[in-house]
């Protein structure tokens, strides 16, 4: 009886959350990518755009793939429970994908930083510290 309402509510909430997360990642991911690509704006923007497209394809595909419901939805309670189960699962998938993206970005950044030549110290050393070796106590007259 309420199956169409369930589908429409699930799609509206899930797609809305997906769009919000994608926009947030696109806006805030640019700064991270600029750092990873040493300020190369063209490359950072291209990678950022491709990541957002992939994010949309994966998440919208998952949302549509999980749309089907095996039983009938007879009450408002069952509608809310089913939609919350489905949206909750979509949120878990979005969270896992987000942490996966963070992991990939962190590795990219670490590799980029490892390739940078090591910088000299800001002030050249003027002296060297010699550690003092403690002397054993001298045996004196008693």
C-alpha atoms as a PDB file:
ATOM      1  CA  UNK A   1       0.000   0.000   0.000  1.00  0.00           C
ATOM      2  CA  UNK A   2       2.789   2.439   0.913  1.00  0.00           C
ATOM      3  CA  UNK A   3       5.502   0.992  -1.308  1.00  0.00           C
ATOM      4  CA  UNK A   4       5.543   3.924  -3.754  1.00  0.00           C
ATOM      5  CA  UNK A   5       5.818   6.376  -0.853  1.00  0.00           C
ATOM      6  CA  UNK A   6       8.679   4.300   0.554  1.00  0.00           C
ATOM      7  CA  UNK A   7      10.565   4.337  -2.732  1.00  0.00           C
ATOM      8  CA  UNK A   8      10.092   8.068  -3.266  1.00  0.00           C
ATOM      9  CA  UNK A   9      11.113   8.944   0.282  1.00  0.00           C
ATOM     10  CA  UNK A  10      14.170   6.658   0.108  1.00  0.00           C
ATOM     11  CA  UNK A  11      15.260   8.120  -3.225  1.00  0.00           C
ATOM     12  CA  UNK A  12      14.735  11.728  -2.115  1.00  0.00           C
ATOM     13  CA  UNK A  13      16.676  11.323   1.142  1.00  0.00           C
ATOM     14  CA  UNK A  14      19.480   9.187  -0.310  1.00  0.00           C
ATOM     15  CA  UNK A  15      20.033  11.303  -3.413  1.00  0.00           C
ATOM     16  CA  UNK A  16      19.878  14.500  -1.350  1.00  0.00           C
ATOM     17  CA  UNK A  17      22.511  13.211   1.070  1.00  0.00           C
ATOM     18  CA  UNK A  18      24.691  11.998  -1.817  1.00  0.00           C
ATOM     19  CA  UNK A  19      24.578  15.403  -3.517  1.00  0.00           C
ATOM     20  CA  UNK A  20      25.377  17.199  -0.250  1.00  0.00           C
ATOM     21  CA  UNK A  21      28.345  14.923   0.521  1.00  0.00           C
ATOM     22  CA  UNK A  22      29.673  15.177  -3.047  1.00  0.00           C
ATOM     23  CA  UNK A  23      29.538  18.988  -2.974  1.00  0.00           C
ATOM     24  CA  UNK A  24      31.261  19.060   0.403  1.00  0.00           C
ATOM     25  CA  UNK A  25      33.997  16.708  -0.793  1.00  0.00           C
ATOM     26  CA  UNK A  26      34.460  18.681  -4.016  1.00  0.00           C
ATOM     27  CA  UNK A  27      34.772  22.009  -2.215  1.00  0.00           C
ATOM     28  CA  UNK A  28      37.033  20.860   0.612  1.00  0.00           C
ATOM     29  CA  UNK A  29      38.976  18.257  -1.362  1.00  0.00           C
ATOM     30  CA  UNK A  30      40.423  20.877  -3.701  1.00  0.00           C
ATOM     31  CA  UNK A  31      42.690  22.316  -1.016  1.00  0.00           C
ATOM     32  CA  UNK A  32      43.988  18.876  -0.134  1.00  0.00           C
ATOM     33  CA  UNK A  33      44.617  18.005  -3.789  1.00  0.00           C
ATOM     34  CA  UNK A  34      46.389  21.304  -4.420  1.00  0.00           C
ATOM     35  CA  UNK A  35      48.778  20.420  -1.624  1.00  0.00           C
ATOM     36  CA  UNK A  36      49.241  16.876  -2.932  1.00  0.00           C
ATOM     37  CA  UNK A  37      49.944  18.148  -6.458  1.00  0.00           C
ATOM     38  CA  UNK A  38      52.277  20.987  -5.367  1.00  0.00           C
ATOM     39  CA  UNK A  39      49.925  23.792  -6.344  1.00  0.00           C
ATOM     40  CA  UNK A  40      49.170  22.487  -9.860  1.00  0.00           C
ATOM     41  CA  UNK A  41      45.608  23.846 -10.043  1.00  0.00           C
ATOM     42  CA  UNK A  42      44.717  22.262 -13.365  1.00  0.00           C
ATOM     43  CA  UNK A  43      45.679  18.783 -12.256  1.00  0.00           C
ATOM     44  CA  UNK A  44      44.093  19.186  -8.812  1.00  0.00           C
ATOM     45  CA  UNK A  45      40.803  20.431 -10.307  1.00  0.00           C
ATOM     46  CA  UNK A  46      40.727  17.641 -12.916  1.00  0.00           C
ATOM     47  CA  UNK A  47      41.353  14.919 -10.346  1.00  0.00           C
ATOM     48  CA  UNK A  48      38.809  16.498  -7.995  1.00  0.00           C
ATOM     49  CA  UNK A  49      36.165  16.535 -10.741  1.00  0.00           C
ATOM     50  CA  UNK A  50      36.883  12.929 -11.751  1.00  0.00           C
ATOM     51  CA  UNK A  51      36.647  11.803  -8.131  1.00  0.00           C
ATOM     52  CA  UNK A  52      33.268  13.502  -7.730  1.00  0.00           C
ATOM     53  CA  UNK A  53      31.961  11.881 -10.927  1.00  0.00           C
ATOM     54  CA  UNK A  54      33.101   8.471  -9.687  1.00  0.00           C
ATOM     55  CA  UNK A  55      31.549   9.189  -6.293  1.00  0.00           C
ATOM     56  CA  UNK A  56      28.192  10.000  -7.915  1.00  0.00           C
ATOM     57  CA  UNK A  57      28.284   6.935 -10.163  1.00  0.00           C
ATOM     58  CA  UNK A  58      29.070   4.536  -7.336  1.00  0.00           C
ATOM     59  CA  UNK A  59      26.613   5.980  -4.837  1.00  0.00           C
ATOM     60  CA  UNK A  60      23.702   6.560  -7.176  1.00  0.00           C
ATOM     61  CA  UNK A  61      24.241   3.075  -8.613  1.00  0.00           C
ATOM     62  CA  UNK A  62      24.171   1.629  -5.090  1.00  0.00           C
ATOM     63  CA  UNK A  63      21.023   3.590  -4.206  1.00  0.00           C
ATOM     64  CA  UNK A  64      19.211   2.344  -7.290  1.00  0.00           C
ATOM     65  CA  UNK A  65      20.541  -1.204  -6.811  1.00  0.00           C
ATOM     66  CA  UNK A  66      19.156  -1.352  -3.267  1.00  0.00           C
ATOM     67  CA  UNK A  67      15.792   0.209  -4.122  1.00  0.00           C
ATOM     68  CA  UNK A  68      13.889  -3.074  -4.386  1.00  0.00           C
ATOM     69  CA  UNK A  69      11.965  -4.220  -1.329  1.00  0.00           C
ATOM     70  CA  UNK A  70      10.907  -7.868  -1.041  1.00  0.00           C
ATOM     71  CA  UNK A  71       7.672  -7.364   0.898  1.00  0.00           C
ATOM     72  CA  UNK A  72       4.712  -5.056   1.084  1.00  0.00           C
ATOM     73  CA  UNK A  73       4.723  -1.950   3.247  1.00  0.00           C
ATOM     74  CA  UNK A  74       1.378  -1.950   5.046  1.00  0.00           C
ATOM     75  CA  UNK A  75       1.771   0.702   7.751  1.00  0.00           C
ATOM     76  CA  UNK A  76       3.449   4.046   8.279  1.00  0.00           C
ATOM     77  CA  UNK A  77       5.613   2.398  10.913  1.00  0.00           C
ATOM     78  CA  UNK A  78       6.915  -0.197   8.472  1.00  0.00           C
ATOM     79  CA  UNK A  79       7.493   2.577   5.907  1.00  0.00           C
ATOM     80  CA  UNK A  80       9.626   4.588   8.348  1.00  0.00           C
ATOM     81  CA  UNK A  81      11.541   1.505   9.503  1.00  0.00           C
ATOM     82  CA  UNK A  82      12.278   0.372   5.964  1.00  0.00           C
ATOM     83  CA  UNK A  83      13.364   3.838   4.811  1.00  0.00           C
ATOM     84  CA  UNK A  84      15.565   4.265   7.888  1.00  0.00           C
ATOM     85  CA  UNK A  85      17.202   0.878   7.255  1.00  0.00           C
ATOM     86  CA  UNK A  86      17.876   1.724   3.630  1.00  0.00           C
ATOM     87  CA  UNK A  87      19.097   5.282   4.293  1.00  0.00           C
ATOM     88  CA  UNK A  88      21.230   4.078   7.198  1.00  0.00           C
ATOM     89  CA  UNK A  89      22.907   1.557   4.943  1.00  0.00           C
ATOM     90  CA  UNK A  90      23.525   4.239   2.311  1.00  0.00           C
ATOM     91  CA  UNK A  91      25.100   6.435   5.014  1.00  0.00           C
ATOM     92  CA  UNK A  92      27.406   3.598   6.057  1.00  0.00           C
ATOM     93  CA  UNK A  93      28.460   3.068   2.432  1.00  0.00           C
ATOM     94  CA  UNK A  94      29.058   6.835   2.037  1.00  0.00           C
ATOM     95  CA  UNK A  95      31.150   6.868   5.213  1.00  0.00           C
ATOM     96  CA  UNK A  96      33.263   3.911   4.102  1.00  0.00           C
ATOM     97  CA  UNK A  97      33.811   5.540   0.713  1.00  0.00           C
ATOM     98  CA  UNK A  98      34.742   8.824   2.387  1.00  0.00           C
ATOM     99  CA  UNK A  99      37.363   7.168   4.574  1.00  0.00           C
ATOM    100  CA  UNK A 100      38.624   5.269   1.529  1.00  0.00           C
ATOM    101  CA  UNK A 101      39.054   8.564  -0.314  1.00  0.00           C
ATOM    102  CA  UNK A 102      40.860  10.082   2.677  1.00  0.00           C
ATOM    103  CA  UNK A 103      43.219   7.090   2.743  1.00  0.00           C
ATOM    104  CA  UNK A 104      43.969   7.405  -0.977  1.00  0.00           C
ATOM    105  CA  UNK A 105      44.514  11.175  -0.689  1.00  0.00           C
ATOM    106  CA  UNK A 106      46.800  10.722   2.311  1.00  0.00           C
ATOM    107  CA  UNK A 107      48.921   8.202   0.453  1.00  0.00           C
ATOM    108  CA  UNK A 108      49.098  10.478  -2.590  1.00  0.00           C
ATOM    109  CA  UNK A 109      50.179  13.377  -0.397  1.00  0.00           C
ATOM    110  CA  UNK A 110      52.760  11.286   1.452  1.00  0.00           C
ATOM    111  CA  UNK A 111      54.276  10.101  -1.837  1.00  0.00           C
ATOM    112  CA  UNK A 112      54.369  13.650  -3.148  1.00  0.00           C
ATOM    113  CA  UNK A 113      56.089  14.868   0.018  1.00  0.00           C
ATOM    114  CA  UNK A 114      58.583  11.997  -0.112  1.00  0.00           C
ATOM    115  CA  UNK A 115      59.604  13.058  -3.617  1.00  0.00           C
ATOM    116  CA  UNK A 116      60.433  16.588  -2.518  1.00  0.00           C
ATOM    117  CA  UNK A 117      64.130  17.263  -1.995  1.00  0.00           C
ATOM    118  CA  UNK A 118      65.023  17.604   1.647  1.00  0.00           C
ATOM    119  CA  UNK A 119      65.476  21.209   2.624  1.00  0.00           C
ATOM    120  CA  UNK A 120      68.628  22.421   4.368  1.00  0.00           C
ATOM    121  CA  UNK A 121      68.282  23.530   7.972  1.00  0.00           C
ATOM    122  CA  UNK A 122      67.065  27.124   8.333  1.00  0.00           C
ATOM    123  CA  UNK A 123      70.282  28.145  10.153  1.00  0.00           C
ATOM    124  CA  UNK A 124      73.550  26.382   9.437  1.00  0.00           C
ATOM    125  CA  UNK A 125      75.197  24.846  12.472  1.00  0.00           C
ATOM    126  CA  UNK A 126      78.020  26.881  14.033  1.00  0.00           C
ATOM    127  CA  UNK A 127      79.324  24.327  16.484  1.00  0.00           C
ATOM    128  CA  UNK A 128      78.957  20.704  17.319  1.00  0.00           C
ATOM    129  CA  UNK A 129      78.028  19.313  20.672  1.00  0.00           C
ATOM    130  CA  UNK A 130      80.329  16.715  22.123  1.00  0.00           C
ATOM    131  CA  UNK A 131      78.665  14.489  24.673  1.00  0.00           C
ATOM    132  CA  UNK A 132      80.528  14.287  27.963  1.00  0.00           C
ATOM    133  CA  UNK A 133      81.365  10.792  29.083  1.00  0.00           C
ATOM    134  CA  UNK A 134      80.973  10.546  32.839  1.00  0.00           C
ATOM    135  CA  UNK A 135      84.243   9.691  34.608  1.00  0.00           C
ATOM    136  CA  UNK A 136      84.263   7.030  37.304  1.00  0.00           C
ATOM    137  CA  UNK A 137      84.930   8.428  40.795  1.00  0.00           C
ATOM    138  CA  UNK A 138      88.591   8.628  41.741  1.00  0.00           C
ATOM    139  CA  UNK A 139      89.766   6.557  44.630  1.00  0.00           C
ATOM    140  CA  UNK A 140      91.315   8.997  47.096  1.00  0.00           C
ATOM    141  CA  UNK A 141      93.253   8.637  50.364  1.00  0.00           C
ATOM    142  CA  UNK A 142      91.393   7.335  53.344  1.00  0.00           C
END
